[in-house]
Amino acid sequence: MRMFLKSPRVGLKLMTLIAGVMAVLLLAAPVLAEDLTPEQKLARAAELSAQAAQMAATAQETGNIEMAQEALALAGEASNLLNEVAAYAGDTGNTELAQSAMNQAAALSAAIGQITATAQYVAANSTNPAVVNAANQLLVQSGEVQTLNQGTMELALNAGATPPAEGYQPPAPPAPEPPVDEDPPIDDTTEASPT
């Protein structure tokens, strides 16, 4: 230890070596942790897709453009994962993986459609120019995600998956939880009295 204190070069070299090793570990650890198996990617995509579907349904009911943007971000991440799985299934000839990717991509397509419908509604009915601009940008982005999702379906078809049956309806997203301790909205459709 005294040797390090007497010679600043040895201490500096040691600190540089330790800092270099730590930098390599910090940069390499996330990359190594991101290598998911195709089955794990499918599971993660299913989680993201379910969250996106629930948020898209809520955004469509409320006309909340920010929530629709968050739902689209989740849908985009799910679509990227499904695309990777479909490409892997095509490379390996795994039709089971391809079919799973096809089914999830078909279900995700419904959520993307809800996001697109929300953006169209907000763009057509909002009077705030900033909100209209955000809705128009969301329309462009949802079109890009839908295109990626369609490409995933094509990859899955090429890998041996069968398309969803005619009239296929993806599972409905879970019903939103009713608000607690709030009065229900008043639905007054009768005519007012003349007084």
N, C-alpha and C. Protein backbone atom coordinates (compact mmCIF):
# COMPACT_ATOMS: atom_id res chain seq x y z
N MET A 1 0.82 -1.19 0.00
CA MET A 1 0.00 0.00 0.00
C MET A 1 0.86 1.26 0.00
N ARG A 2 1.95 1.20 0.70
CA ARG A 2 2.84 2.36 0.73
C ARG A 2 3.42 2.65 -0.65
N MET A 3 3.57 1.59 -1.45
CA MET A 3 4.13 1.79 -2.77
C MET A 3 3.19 2.66 -3.62
N PHE A 4 1.87 2.49 -3.47
CA PHE A 4 0.91 3.29 -4.22
C PHE A 4 0.94 4.74 -3.78
N LEU A 5 1.14 4.95 -2.50
CA LEU A 5 1.17 6.31 -1.99
C LEU A 5 2.43 7.05 -2.42
N LYS A 6 3.54 6.33 -2.54
CA LYS A 6 4.81 6.97 -2.90
C LYS A 6 4.88 7.27 -4.39
N SER A 7 4.32 6.42 -5.22
CA SER A 7 4.40 6.61 -6.66
C SER A 7 3.00 6.91 -7.22
N PRO A 8 2.75 8.16 -7.59
CA PRO A 8 1.41 8.48 -8.11
C PRO A 8 1.10 7.80 -9.44
N ARG A 9 2.12 7.41 -10.20
CA ARG A 9 1.88 6.75 -11.48
C ARG A 9 1.28 5.36 -11.30
N VAL A 10 1.73 4.64 -10.31
CA VAL A 10 1.20 3.30 -10.07
C VAL A 10 -0.26 3.40 -9.66
N GLY A 11 -0.57 4.34 -8.79
CA GLY A 11 -1.96 4.53 -8.35
C GLY A 11 -2.85 4.96 -9.50
N LEU A 12 -2.34 5.84 -10.34
CA LEU A 12 -3.09 6.32 -11.50
C LEU A 12 -3.35 5.18 -12.48
N LYS A 13 -2.34 4.34 -12.70
CA LYS A 13 -2.51 3.19 -13.60
C LYS A 13 -3.53 2.21 -13.04
N LEU A 14 -3.49 2.00 -11.74
CA LEU A 14 -4.45 1.09 -11.10
C LEU A 14 -5.87 1.64 -11.22
N MET A 15 -6.03 2.93 -10.96
CA MET A 15 -7.36 3.53 -11.07
C MET A 15 -7.86 3.49 -12.51
N THR A 16 -6.98 3.70 -13.48
CA THR A 16 -7.36 3.63 -14.88
C THR A 16 -7.79 2.22 -15.26
N LEU A 17 -7.06 1.24 -14.78
CA LEU A 17 -7.41 -0.15 -15.04
C LEU A 17 -8.77 -0.50 -14.44
N ILE A 18 -9.01 -0.11 -13.20
CA ILE A 18 -10.28 -0.40 -12.54
C ILE A 18 -11.42 0.32 -13.26
N ALA A 19 -11.21 1.60 -13.63
CA ALA A 19 -12.25 2.35 -14.35
C ALA A 19 -12.55 1.70 -15.70
N GLY A 20 -11.53 1.21 -16.40
CA GLY A 20 -11.75 0.54 -17.68
C GLY A 20 -12.54 -0.74 -17.54
N VAL A 21 -12.20 -1.54 -16.53
CA VAL A 21 -12.93 -2.79 -16.29
C VAL A 21 -14.38 -2.49 -15.92
N MET A 22 -14.60 -1.49 -15.07
CA MET A 22 -15.97 -1.13 -14.67
C MET A 22 -16.77 -0.63 -15.86
N ALA A 23 -16.15 0.16 -16.74
CA ALA A 23 -16.85 0.67 -17.92
C ALA A 23 -17.27 -0.48 -18.83
N VAL A 24 -16.37 -1.43 -19.04
CA VAL A 24 -16.71 -2.59 -19.88
C VAL A 24 -17.84 -3.38 -19.26
N LEU A 25 -17.81 -3.59 -17.96
CA LEU A 25 -18.87 -4.34 -17.29
C LEU A 25 -20.20 -3.59 -17.37
N LEU A 26 -20.17 -2.29 -17.15
CA LEU A 26 -21.41 -1.52 -17.19
C LEU A 26 -21.99 -1.46 -18.60
N LEU A 27 -21.16 -1.42 -19.60
CA LEU A 27 -21.66 -1.36 -20.97
C LEU A 27 -22.06 -2.74 -21.49
N ALA A 28 -21.39 -3.78 -21.05
CA ALA A 28 -21.67 -5.13 -21.56
C ALA A 28 -22.84 -5.79 -20.84
N ALA A 29 -23.06 -5.48 -19.60
CA ALA A 29 -24.11 -6.15 -18.83
C ALA A 29 -25.50 -5.95 -19.42
N PRO A 30 -25.92 -4.72 -19.78
CA PRO A 30 -27.25 -4.58 -20.37
C PRO A 30 -27.39 -5.29 -21.70
N VAL A 31 -26.33 -5.31 -22.49
CA VAL A 31 -26.39 -5.98 -23.79
C VAL A 31 -26.56 -7.47 -23.59
N LEU A 32 -25.86 -8.03 -22.65
CA LEU A 32 -25.98 -9.46 -22.38
C LEU A 32 -27.35 -9.80 -21.80
N ALA A 33 -27.89 -8.90 -21.00
CA ALA A 33 -29.19 -9.16 -20.37
C ALA A 33 -30.34 -9.07 -21.37
N GLU A 34 -30.18 -8.35 -22.46
CA GLU A 34 -31.25 -8.16 -23.43
C GLU A 34 -31.45 -9.36 -24.36
N ASP A 35 -30.56 -10.31 -24.36
CA ASP A 35 -30.72 -11.47 -25.23
C ASP A 35 -31.81 -12.37 -24.68
N LEU A 36 -33.01 -12.17 -25.19
CA LEU A 36 -34.15 -12.97 -24.77
C LEU A 36 -34.37 -14.10 -25.78
N THR A 37 -34.88 -15.20 -25.30
CA THR A 37 -35.23 -16.28 -26.20
C THR A 37 -36.50 -15.89 -26.95
N PRO A 38 -36.79 -16.53 -28.07
CA PRO A 38 -38.02 -16.20 -28.79
C PRO A 38 -39.28 -16.39 -27.93
N GLU A 39 -39.28 -17.38 -27.08
CA GLU A 39 -40.44 -17.61 -26.20
C GLU A 39 -40.59 -16.46 -25.20
N GLN A 40 -39.46 -15.97 -24.69
CA GLN A 40 -39.51 -14.84 -23.77
C GLN A 40 -39.96 -13.57 -24.50
N LYS A 41 -39.54 -13.44 -25.74
CA LYS A 41 -39.98 -12.29 -26.54
C LYS A 41 -41.48 -12.35 -26.78
N LEU A 42 -42.00 -13.56 -27.05
CA LEU A 42 -43.44 -13.71 -27.23
C LEU A 42 -44.19 -13.34 -25.96
N ALA A 43 -43.69 -13.81 -24.81
CA ALA A 43 -44.34 -13.50 -23.54
C ALA A 43 -44.31 -12.00 -23.27
N ARG A 44 -43.17 -11.37 -23.51
CA ARG A 44 -43.05 -9.92 -23.29
C ARG A 44 -43.96 -9.17 -24.25
N ALA A 45 -44.02 -9.61 -25.49
CA ALA A 45 -44.90 -8.97 -26.47
C ALA A 45 -46.36 -9.11 -26.07
N ALA A 46 -46.73 -10.25 -25.50
CA ALA A 46 -48.11 -10.45 -25.05
C ALA A 46 -48.45 -9.48 -23.92
N GLU A 47 -47.51 -9.30 -22.99
CA GLU A 47 -47.73 -8.36 -21.89
C GLU A 47 -47.89 -6.94 -22.43
N LEU A 48 -46.98 -6.54 -23.31
CA LEU A 48 -47.03 -5.19 -23.87
C LEU A 48 -48.29 -4.98 -24.69
N SER A 49 -48.68 -6.01 -25.44
CA SER A 49 -49.88 -5.91 -26.27
C SER A 49 -51.13 -5.77 -25.41
N ALA A 50 -51.20 -6.51 -24.31
CA ALA A 50 -52.36 -6.40 -23.41
C ALA A 50 -52.42 -5.01 -22.79
N GLN A 51 -51.27 -4.49 -22.37
CA GLN A 51 -51.25 -3.14 -21.80
C GLN A 51 -51.65 -2.11 -22.85
N ALA A 52 -51.14 -2.27 -24.07
CA ALA A 52 -51.47 -1.34 -25.15
C ALA A 52 -52.96 -1.39 -25.47
N ALA A 53 -53.54 -2.59 -25.49
CA ALA A 53 -54.96 -2.73 -25.80
C ALA A 53 -55.81 -2.06 -24.73
N GLN A 54 -55.44 -2.24 -23.48
CA GLN A 54 -56.21 -1.63 -22.40
C GLN A 54 -56.10 -0.10 -22.46
N MET A 55 -54.88 0.39 -22.68
CA MET A 55 -54.70 1.84 -22.76
C MET A 55 -55.38 2.42 -24.00
N ALA A 56 -55.36 1.68 -25.10
CA ALA A 56 -56.01 2.15 -26.33
C ALA A 56 -57.52 2.24 -26.15
N ALA A 57 -58.08 1.26 -25.46
CA ALA A 57 -59.53 1.28 -25.21
C ALA A 57 -59.90 2.47 -24.33
N THR A 58 -59.12 2.71 -23.31
CA THR A 58 -59.38 3.84 -22.42
C THR A 58 -59.19 5.16 -23.16
N ALA A 59 -58.15 5.25 -23.97
CA ALA A 59 -57.90 6.47 -24.75
C ALA A 59 -59.02 6.73 -25.73
N GLN A 60 -59.56 5.67 -26.31
CA GLN A 60 -60.64 5.84 -27.28
C GLN A 60 -61.91 6.31 -26.58
N GLU A 61 -62.17 5.79 -25.39
CA GLU A 61 -63.36 6.20 -24.64
C GLU A 61 -63.27 7.65 -24.19
N THR A 62 -62.07 8.08 -23.80
CA THR A 62 -61.91 9.41 -23.23
C THR A 62 -61.40 10.45 -24.22
N GLY A 63 -60.89 10.01 -25.37
CA GLY A 63 -60.30 10.93 -26.33
C GLY A 63 -58.98 11.50 -25.85
N ASN A 64 -58.28 10.76 -25.00
CA ASN A 64 -57.02 11.21 -24.40
C ASN A 64 -55.87 10.89 -25.36
N ILE A 65 -55.34 11.92 -25.99
CA ILE A 65 -54.29 11.71 -27.00
C ILE A 65 -52.98 11.28 -26.37
N GLU A 66 -52.68 11.76 -25.15
CA GLU A 66 -51.44 11.36 -24.48
C GLU A 66 -51.45 9.87 -24.16
N MET A 67 -52.59 9.38 -23.71
CA MET A 67 -52.70 7.96 -23.41
C MET A 67 -52.59 7.13 -24.69
N ALA A 68 -53.14 7.65 -25.77
CA ALA A 68 -53.04 6.95 -27.05
C ALA A 68 -51.57 6.89 -27.51
N GLN A 69 -50.81 7.96 -27.24
CA GLN A 69 -49.39 7.96 -27.60
C GLN A 69 -48.63 6.92 -26.78
N GLU A 70 -48.96 6.81 -25.49
CA GLU A 70 -48.31 5.80 -24.65
C GLU A 70 -48.68 4.39 -25.11
N ALA A 71 -49.94 4.22 -25.47
CA ALA A 71 -50.38 2.91 -25.97
C ALA A 71 -49.66 2.55 -27.26
N LEU A 72 -49.45 3.54 -28.12
CA LEU A 72 -48.75 3.28 -29.37
C LEU A 72 -47.29 2.92 -29.12
N ALA A 73 -46.67 3.55 -28.13
CA ALA A 73 -45.29 3.21 -27.81
C ALA A 73 -45.20 1.74 -27.36
N LEU A 74 -46.15 1.30 -26.54
CA LEU A 74 -46.18 -0.10 -26.10
C LEU A 74 -46.44 -1.03 -27.29
N ALA A 75 -47.38 -0.62 -28.15
CA ALA A 75 -47.69 -1.44 -29.32
C ALA A 75 -46.50 -1.53 -30.26
N GLY A 76 -45.77 -0.44 -30.41
CA GLY A 76 -44.58 -0.46 -31.26
C GLY A 76 -43.52 -1.39 -30.74
N GLU A 77 -43.32 -1.37 -29.41
CA GLU A 77 -42.33 -2.28 -28.82
C GLU A 77 -42.77 -3.73 -28.98
N ALA A 78 -44.06 -3.99 -28.78
CA ALA A 78 -44.57 -5.35 -28.96
C ALA A 78 -44.42 -5.79 -30.41
N SER A 79 -44.69 -4.89 -31.34
CA SER A 79 -44.58 -5.22 -32.76
C SER A 79 -43.14 -5.53 -33.15
N ASN A 80 -42.20 -4.78 -32.59
CA ASN A 80 -40.78 -5.06 -32.86
C ASN A 80 -40.39 -6.44 -32.35
N LEU A 81 -40.84 -6.78 -31.14
CA LEU A 81 -40.52 -8.11 -30.60
C LEU A 81 -41.15 -9.22 -31.45
N LEU A 82 -42.39 -9.02 -31.86
CA LEU A 82 -43.06 -10.03 -32.68
C LEU A 82 -42.38 -10.16 -34.04
N ASN A 83 -41.89 -9.06 -34.57
CA ASN A 83 -41.19 -9.10 -35.84
C ASN A 83 -39.91 -9.93 -35.71
N GLU A 84 -39.18 -9.75 -34.61
CA GLU A 84 -37.98 -10.53 -34.38
C GLU A 84 -38.30 -12.02 -34.26
N VAL A 85 -39.39 -12.34 -33.57
CA VAL A 85 -39.78 -13.74 -33.41
C VAL A 85 -40.18 -14.34 -34.76
N ALA A 86 -40.95 -13.59 -35.55
CA ALA A 86 -41.37 -14.10 -36.86
C ALA A 86 -40.16 -14.31 -37.77
N ALA A 87 -39.20 -13.39 -37.73
CA ALA A 87 -37.99 -13.56 -38.54
C ALA A 87 -37.20 -14.78 -38.08
N TYR A 88 -37.09 -14.97 -36.78
CA TYR A 88 -36.39 -16.14 -36.24
C TYR A 88 -37.12 -17.42 -36.64
N ALA A 89 -38.45 -17.40 -36.56
CA ALA A 89 -39.23 -18.58 -36.94
C ALA A 89 -39.03 -18.90 -38.42
N GLY A 90 -38.93 -17.88 -39.25
CA GLY A 90 -38.68 -18.09 -40.68
C GLY A 90 -37.30 -18.67 -40.93
N ASP A 91 -36.31 -18.18 -40.18
CA ASP A 91 -34.94 -18.67 -40.35
C ASP A 91 -34.79 -20.12 -39.90
N THR A 92 -35.51 -20.48 -38.83
CA THR A 92 -35.37 -21.83 -38.28
C THR A 92 -36.44 -22.80 -38.75
N GLY A 93 -37.48 -22.30 -39.42
CA GLY A 93 -38.56 -23.16 -39.88
C GLY A 93 -39.49 -23.61 -38.75
N ASN A 94 -39.54 -22.86 -37.69
CA ASN A 94 -40.38 -23.19 -36.54
C ASN A 94 -41.78 -22.63 -36.76
N THR A 95 -42.68 -23.49 -37.22
CA THR A 95 -44.04 -23.03 -37.53
C THR A 95 -44.84 -22.72 -36.28
N GLU A 96 -44.53 -23.35 -35.18
CA GLU A 96 -45.25 -23.07 -33.93
C GLU A 96 -44.98 -21.64 -33.46
N LEU A 97 -43.73 -21.23 -33.51
CA LEU A 97 -43.39 -19.84 -33.17
C LEU A 97 -44.02 -18.88 -34.16
N ALA A 98 -44.00 -19.24 -35.42
CA ALA A 98 -44.60 -18.38 -36.45
C ALA A 98 -46.09 -18.20 -36.20
N GLN A 99 -46.77 -19.28 -35.82
CA GLN A 99 -48.21 -19.18 -35.56
C GLN A 99 -48.49 -18.32 -34.33
N SER A 100 -47.66 -18.46 -33.30
CA SER A 100 -47.83 -17.63 -32.11
C SER A 100 -47.63 -16.16 -32.45
N ALA A 101 -46.61 -15.87 -33.25
CA ALA A 101 -46.36 -14.49 -33.66
C ALA A 101 -47.52 -13.96 -34.50
N MET A 102 -48.06 -14.80 -35.37
CA MET A 102 -49.20 -14.40 -36.21
C MET A 102 -50.42 -14.06 -35.35
N ASN A 103 -50.72 -14.92 -34.38
CA ASN A 103 -51.89 -14.70 -33.54
C ASN A 103 -51.75 -13.42 -32.72
N GLN A 104 -50.57 -13.21 -32.17
CA GLN A 104 -50.36 -12.01 -31.36
C GLN A 104 -50.35 -10.75 -32.24
N ALA A 105 -49.81 -10.85 -33.43
CA ALA A 105 -49.81 -9.69 -34.34
C ALA A 105 -51.23 -9.34 -34.76
N ALA A 106 -52.07 -10.35 -34.95
CA ALA A 106 -53.47 -10.09 -35.30
C ALA A 106 -54.20 -9.41 -34.15
N ALA A 107 -53.92 -9.84 -32.92
CA ALA A 107 -54.54 -9.21 -31.75
C ALA A 107 -54.02 -7.78 -31.58
N LEU A 108 -52.74 -7.57 -31.83
CA LEU A 108 -52.15 -6.25 -31.70
C LEU A 108 -52.71 -5.29 -32.74
N SER A 109 -53.09 -5.82 -33.89
CA SER A 109 -53.64 -4.99 -34.95
C SER A 109 -54.92 -4.28 -34.50
N ALA A 110 -55.71 -4.95 -33.67
CA ALA A 110 -56.94 -4.33 -33.17
C ALA A 110 -56.62 -3.14 -32.27
N ALA A 111 -55.61 -3.27 -31.42
CA ALA A 111 -55.22 -2.16 -30.54
C ALA A 111 -54.69 -0.99 -31.36
N ILE A 112 -53.92 -1.28 -32.39
CA ILE A 112 -53.39 -0.21 -33.24
C ILE A 112 -54.55 0.48 -33.96
N GLY A 113 -55.55 -0.28 -34.35
CA GLY A 113 -56.75 0.31 -34.98
C GLY A 113 -57.48 1.25 -34.03
N GLN A 114 -57.57 0.87 -32.76
CA GLN A 114 -58.20 1.76 -31.77
C GLN A 114 -57.40 3.04 -31.60
N ILE A 115 -56.09 2.93 -31.60
CA ILE A 115 -55.24 4.12 -31.46
C ILE A 115 -55.43 5.03 -32.67
N THR A 116 -55.49 4.45 -33.85
CA THR A 116 -55.70 5.23 -35.07
C THR A 116 -57.06 5.92 -35.04
N ALA A 117 -58.09 5.20 -34.59
CA ALA A 117 -59.43 5.79 -34.50
C ALA A 117 -59.46 6.94 -33.51
N THR A 118 -58.76 6.80 -32.40
CA THR A 118 -58.69 7.87 -31.41
C THR A 118 -58.01 9.10 -32.00
N ALA A 119 -56.89 8.88 -32.69
CA ALA A 119 -56.17 10.01 -33.30
C ALA A 119 -57.02 10.70 -34.36
N GLN A 120 -57.76 9.93 -35.16
CA GLN A 120 -58.62 10.52 -36.17
C GLN A 120 -59.73 11.35 -35.54
N TYR A 121 -60.32 10.82 -34.47
CA TYR A 121 -61.39 11.53 -33.79
C TYR A 121 -60.88 12.85 -33.20
N VAL A 122 -59.74 12.78 -32.51
CA VAL A 122 -59.19 13.98 -31.88
C VAL A 122 -58.78 15.00 -32.94
N ALA A 123 -58.17 14.54 -34.03
CA ALA A 123 -57.75 15.46 -35.09
C ALA A 123 -58.96 16.15 -35.72
N ALA A 124 -60.06 15.45 -35.83
CA ALA A 124 -61.24 16.02 -36.47
C ALA A 124 -62.04 16.92 -35.53
N ASN A 125 -61.99 16.69 -34.23
CA ASN A 125 -62.89 17.40 -33.32
C ASN A 125 -62.22 18.37 -32.36
N SER A 126 -60.92 18.37 -32.26
CA SER A 126 -60.26 19.26 -31.32
C SER A 126 -60.12 20.65 -31.92
N THR A 127 -60.21 21.66 -31.05
CA THR A 127 -60.03 23.03 -31.49
C THR A 127 -58.64 23.57 -31.14
N ASN A 128 -57.89 22.80 -30.38
CA ASN A 128 -56.54 23.20 -29.98
C ASN A 128 -55.55 22.77 -31.07
N PRO A 129 -54.86 23.72 -31.70
CA PRO A 129 -53.93 23.37 -32.79
C PRO A 129 -52.81 22.42 -32.35
N ALA A 130 -52.34 22.57 -31.11
CA ALA A 130 -51.26 21.69 -30.64
C ALA A 130 -51.76 20.25 -30.51
N VAL A 131 -52.99 20.08 -30.05
CA VAL A 131 -53.56 18.74 -29.91
C VAL A 131 -53.82 18.14 -31.28
N VAL A 132 -54.30 18.94 -32.21
CA VAL A 132 -54.54 18.46 -33.58
C VAL A 132 -53.22 18.02 -34.21
N ASN A 133 -52.17 18.80 -34.00
CA ASN A 133 -50.85 18.44 -34.53
C ASN A 133 -50.36 17.13 -33.92
N ALA A 134 -50.54 16.98 -32.60
CA ALA A 134 -50.14 15.73 -31.94
C ALA A 134 -50.94 14.55 -32.47
N ALA A 135 -52.22 14.77 -32.72
CA ALA A 135 -53.07 13.69 -33.26
C ALA A 135 -52.63 13.32 -34.67
N ASN A 136 -52.28 14.31 -35.47
CA ASN A 136 -51.81 14.01 -36.84
C ASN A 136 -50.49 13.25 -36.81
N GLN A 137 -49.60 13.63 -35.91
CA GLN A 137 -48.34 12.90 -35.77
C GLN A 137 -48.60 11.47 -35.31
N LEU A 138 -49.56 11.32 -34.42
CA LEU A 138 -49.91 9.98 -33.94
C LEU A 138 -50.48 9.13 -35.07
N LEU A 139 -51.23 9.75 -35.97
CA LEU A 139 -51.75 9.01 -37.13
C LEU A 139 -50.61 8.48 -37.99
N VAL A 140 -49.61 9.30 -38.22
CA VAL A 140 -48.46 8.87 -39.02
C VAL A 140 -47.72 7.73 -38.32
N GLN A 141 -47.49 7.89 -37.03
CA GLN A 141 -46.76 6.87 -36.27
C GLN A 141 -47.56 5.57 -36.18
N SER A 142 -48.87 5.67 -36.01
CA SER A 142 -49.67 4.44 -35.93
C SER A 142 -49.68 3.72 -37.27
N GLY A 143 -49.63 4.48 -38.37
CA GLY A 143 -49.53 3.86 -39.69
C GLY A 143 -48.23 3.10 -39.85
N GLU A 144 -47.14 3.68 -39.32
CA GLU A 144 -45.85 3.00 -39.40
C GLU A 144 -45.84 1.71 -38.57
N VAL A 145 -46.43 1.78 -37.38
CA VAL A 145 -46.48 0.58 -36.53
C VAL A 145 -47.39 -0.47 -37.17
N GLN A 146 -48.50 -0.04 -37.76
CA GLN A 146 -49.39 -0.99 -38.43
C GLN A 146 -48.69 -1.64 -39.61
N THR A 147 -47.87 -0.88 -40.35
CA THR A 147 -47.11 -1.43 -41.47
C THR A 147 -46.12 -2.48 -40.98
N LEU A 148 -45.43 -2.17 -39.87
CA LEU A 148 -44.51 -3.15 -39.28
C LEU A 148 -45.26 -4.39 -38.83
N ASN A 149 -46.43 -4.19 -38.26
CA ASN A 149 -47.23 -5.33 -37.80
C ASN A 149 -47.69 -6.19 -38.98
N GLN A 150 -48.07 -5.55 -40.08
CA GLN A 150 -48.46 -6.30 -41.28
C GLN A 150 -47.26 -7.08 -41.83
N GLY A 151 -46.08 -6.47 -41.77
CA GLY A 151 -44.86 -7.17 -42.20
C GLY A 151 -44.58 -8.38 -41.33
N THR A 152 -44.86 -8.25 -40.04
CA THR A 152 -44.69 -9.39 -39.12
C THR A 152 -45.63 -10.52 -39.53
N MET A 153 -46.86 -10.17 -39.86
CA MET A 153 -47.83 -11.20 -40.28
C MET A 153 -47.36 -11.89 -41.56
N GLU A 154 -46.80 -11.12 -42.50
CA GLU A 154 -46.30 -11.71 -43.73
C GLU A 154 -45.11 -12.63 -43.47
N LEU A 155 -44.21 -12.20 -42.57
CA LEU A 155 -43.09 -13.07 -42.20
C LEU A 155 -43.60 -14.37 -41.58
N ALA A 156 -44.59 -14.25 -40.72
CA ALA A 156 -45.14 -15.44 -40.07
C ALA A 156 -45.81 -16.36 -41.09
N LEU A 157 -46.52 -15.77 -42.05
CA LEU A 157 -47.13 -16.58 -43.11
C LEU A 157 -46.07 -17.31 -43.92
N ASN A 158 -45.00 -16.62 -44.25
CA ASN A 158 -43.91 -17.23 -45.01
C ASN A 158 -43.21 -18.32 -44.21
N ALA A 159 -43.29 -18.23 -42.88
CA ALA A 159 -42.65 -19.24 -42.03
C ALA A 159 -43.55 -20.44 -41.77
N GLY A 160 -44.77 -20.41 -42.32
CA GLY A 160 -45.64 -21.57 -42.18
C GLY A 160 -46.86 -21.36 -41.31
N ALA A 161 -47.10 -20.15 -40.83
CA ALA A 161 -48.28 -19.89 -40.02
C ALA A 161 -49.50 -19.79 -40.92
N THR A 162 -50.65 -20.03 -40.34
CA THR A 162 -51.90 -19.88 -41.08
C THR A 162 -52.54 -18.57 -40.64
N PRO A 163 -53.19 -17.89 -41.56
CA PRO A 163 -53.82 -16.62 -41.18
C PRO A 163 -54.96 -16.87 -40.21
N PRO A 164 -55.29 -15.86 -39.42
CA PRO A 164 -56.44 -16.02 -38.52
C PRO A 164 -57.69 -16.30 -39.34
N ALA A 165 -58.60 -17.04 -38.78
CA ALA A 165 -59.82 -17.42 -39.49
C ALA A 165 -60.64 -16.18 -39.83
N GLU A 166 -61.47 -16.31 -40.86
CA GLU A 166 -62.36 -15.22 -41.22
C GLU A 166 -63.24 -14.90 -40.02
N GLY A 167 -63.41 -13.64 -39.78
CA GLY A 167 -64.22 -13.23 -38.65
C GLY A 167 -63.49 -13.37 -37.32
N TYR A 168 -62.19 -13.61 -37.38
CA TYR A 168 -61.42 -13.74 -36.15
C TYR A 168 -61.50 -12.45 -35.35
N GLN A 169 -61.83 -12.56 -34.11
CA GLN A 169 -61.85 -11.42 -33.22
C GLN A 169 -60.85 -11.68 -32.12
N PRO A 170 -59.88 -10.80 -31.97
CA PRO A 170 -58.92 -11.00 -30.89
C PRO A 170 -59.63 -10.91 -29.55
N PRO A 171 -59.04 -11.49 -28.52
CA PRO A 171 -59.69 -11.42 -27.22
C PRO A 171 -59.87 -9.97 -26.79
N ALA A 172 -61.01 -9.72 -26.18
CA ALA A 172 -61.31 -8.36 -25.74
C ALA A 172 -60.39 -7.97 -24.59
N PRO A 173 -59.98 -6.72 -24.55
CA PRO A 173 -59.15 -6.29 -23.42
C PRO A 173 -59.99 -6.33 -22.14
N PRO A 174 -59.34 -6.48 -21.01
CA PRO A 174 -60.09 -6.54 -19.77
C PRO A 174 -60.86 -5.24 -19.54
N ALA A 175 -62.02 -5.37 -18.92
CA ALA A 175 -62.85 -4.21 -18.66
C ALA A 175 -62.14 -3.29 -17.67
N PRO A 176 -62.22 -1.99 -17.89
CA PRO A 176 -61.56 -1.08 -16.94
C PRO A 176 -62.25 -1.15 -15.58
N GLU A 177 -61.46 -0.95 -14.57
CA GLU A 177 -61.99 -0.99 -13.21
C GLU A 177 -62.89 0.22 -13.00
N PRO A 178 -64.07 0.02 -12.37
CA PRO A 178 -64.93 1.17 -12.11
C PRO A 178 -64.29 2.07 -11.06
N PRO A 179 -64.47 3.38 -11.17
CA PRO A 179 -63.90 4.27 -10.18
C PRO A 179 -64.50 4.02 -8.80
N VAL A 180 -63.70 4.15 -7.80
CA VAL A 180 -64.15 3.91 -6.44
C VAL A 180 -64.54 5.24 -5.81
N ASP A 181 -65.61 5.21 -5.05
CA ASP A 181 -66.10 6.39 -4.32
C ASP A 181 -66.43 7.56 -5.23
N GLU A 182 -66.95 7.30 -6.39
CA GLU A 182 -67.41 8.36 -7.27
C GLU A 182 -68.86 8.09 -7.63
N ASP A 183 -69.61 9.16 -7.74
CA ASP A 183 -71.00 9.02 -8.15
C ASP A 183 -71.05 8.72 -9.63
N PRO A 184 -72.01 7.92 -10.06
CA PRO A 184 -72.11 7.65 -11.50
C PRO A 184 -72.53 8.92 -12.23
N PRO A 185 -72.19 9.01 -13.51
CA PRO A 185 -72.58 10.21 -14.26
C PRO A 185 -74.09 10.29 -14.38
N ILE A 186 -74.58 11.50 -14.40
CA ILE A 186 -76.03 11.71 -14.52
C ILE A 186 -76.41 11.63 -15.99
N ASP A 187 -77.39 10.80 -16.27
CA ASP A 187 -77.86 10.63 -17.62
C ASP A 187 -79.28 11.19 -17.68
N ASP A 188 -79.39 12.48 -17.95
CA ASP A 188 -80.68 13.14 -17.95
C ASP A 188 -81.06 13.44 -19.38
N THR A 189 -81.97 12.63 -19.92
CA THR A 189 -82.39 12.80 -21.31
C THR A 189 -83.81 13.34 -21.43
N THR A 190 -84.44 13.60 -20.30
CA THR A 190 -85.81 14.12 -20.35
C THR A 190 -85.76 15.61 -20.63
N GLU A 191 -86.88 16.12 -21.13
CA GLU A 191 -86.95 17.55 -21.44
C GLU A 191 -87.08 18.34 -20.15
N ALA A 192 -86.55 19.52 -20.16
CA ALA A 192 -86.64 20.39 -18.98
C ALA A 192 -88.02 20.98 -18.91
N SER A 193 -88.46 21.30 -17.71
CA SER A 193 -89.77 21.91 -17.51
C SER A 193 -89.72 23.36 -17.97
N PRO A 194 -90.84 23.93 -18.39
CA PRO A 194 -90.84 25.29 -18.91
C PRO A 194 -90.55 26.34 -17.85
N THR A 195 -90.61 26.04 -16.58
CA THR A 195 -90.37 27.07 -15.56
C THR A 195 -88.94 27.28 -15.25
